[in-house]
Protein backbone atom coordinates (compact mmCIF):
# COMPACT_ATOMS: atom_id res chain seq x y z
CA MET A 1 0.52 7.98 11.51
CA PRO A 2 -2.05 6.98 8.88
CA ALA A 3 -4.26 9.64 7.38
CA LYS A 4 -7.76 10.23 8.66
CA LYS A 5 -10.50 8.05 7.25
CA SER A 6 -11.62 9.07 3.80
CA GLU A 7 -15.21 8.63 2.73
CA SER A 8 -14.29 5.41 0.90
CA GLN A 9 -12.67 3.98 4.03
CA LYS A 10 -15.74 4.84 6.10
CA ASP A 11 -17.77 2.82 3.64
CA GLY A 12 -15.46 -0.18 4.07
CA LEU A 13 -13.70 0.23 0.73
CA ALA A 14 -9.95 -0.14 0.37
CA PRO A 15 -7.91 3.06 0.42
CA GLN A 16 -7.05 4.42 -3.01
CA ILE A 17 -3.43 4.39 -4.14
CA ASP A 18 -2.24 6.95 -6.65
CA PRO A 19 -1.49 4.94 -9.81
CA ALA A 20 1.55 7.17 -10.39
CA LEU A 21 3.08 6.12 -7.05
CA ARG A 22 6.54 4.75 -7.78
CA TYR A 23 7.36 1.21 -6.67
CA GLU A 24 10.26 2.35 -4.51
CA ASP A 25 8.13 4.95 -2.75
CA ALA A 26 5.35 2.43 -2.13
CA VAL A 27 7.80 -0.06 -0.63
CA LYS A 28 9.32 2.65 1.58
CA GLU A 29 5.87 3.66 2.84
CA LEU A 30 4.95 0.02 3.42
CA GLU A 31 8.13 -0.57 5.42
CA LYS A 32 7.41 2.51 7.56
CA LEU A 33 3.86 1.32 8.21
CA ILE A 34 5.18 -2.05 9.37
CA VAL A 35 7.68 -0.44 11.75
CA ASP A 36 5.01 1.90 13.11
CA MET A 37 2.49 -0.91 13.58
CA GLU A 38 5.05 -3.12 15.32
CA SER A 39 5.97 -0.28 17.68
CA GLY A 40 2.51 -0.38 19.23
CA LYS A 41 2.06 3.38 19.03
CA PHE A 42 -1.17 3.19 17.02
CA SER A 43 -4.65 2.91 18.47
CA LEU A 44 -6.77 0.00 17.31
CA GLU A 45 -8.50 2.15 14.68
CA GLU A 46 -5.17 3.56 13.45
CA THR A 47 -3.76 0.04 13.24
CA LEU A 48 -6.70 -1.05 11.11
CA LEU A 49 -6.25 1.95 8.82
CA ALA A 50 -2.51 1.27 8.57
CA TYR A 51 -3.22 -2.38 7.74
CA GLN A 52 -5.69 -1.37 5.03
CA ARG A 53 -3.21 1.12 3.57
CA GLY A 54 -0.47 -1.50 3.70
CA ALA A 55 -2.63 -4.07 1.93
CA ALA A 56 -3.42 -1.54 -0.79
CA LEU A 57 0.28 -0.65 -1.14
CA LEU A 58 1.18 -4.34 -1.39
CA LYS A 59 -1.43 -4.88 -4.11
CA HIS A 60 -0.08 -1.84 -5.97
CA CYS A 61 3.49 -3.19 -5.79
CA GLN A 62 2.45 -6.65 -6.93
CA ALA A 63 0.60 -5.18 -9.92
CA MET A 64 3.63 -3.12 -10.87
CA LEU A 65 5.92 -6.15 -10.65
CA LEU A 66 3.54 -8.21 -12.77
CA GLN A 67 3.48 -5.47 -15.40
CA VAL A 68 7.27 -5.31 -15.50
CA GLU A 69 7.48 -9.11 -15.69
CA GLN A 70 5.12 -9.09 -18.68
CA GLN A 71 7.21 -6.41 -20.38
CA VAL A 72 10.39 -8.44 -19.86
CA ARG A 73 8.70 -11.48 -21.41
CA VAL A 74 7.77 -9.42 -24.47
CA PHE A 75 11.36 -8.21 -24.82
CA GLU A 76 12.71 -11.75 -24.42
CA GLY A 77 10.07 -13.23 -26.72
């Protein structure tokens, strides 16, 4: 179940992701959120919070992949 609303979520801001969160852990959490959301066990508010968390996790993963891609290009360059 997603965490309770933080002050930033109450204000409509995206949930904060710990920058030190490992890619593998973020993907695992994202996969669990998807399974939980598809199960229908969340209320509407919980589903919205889970979606927001998932979107933030996805953005975090994409940023990490971009950073690694840039590093590989430097090594290949």
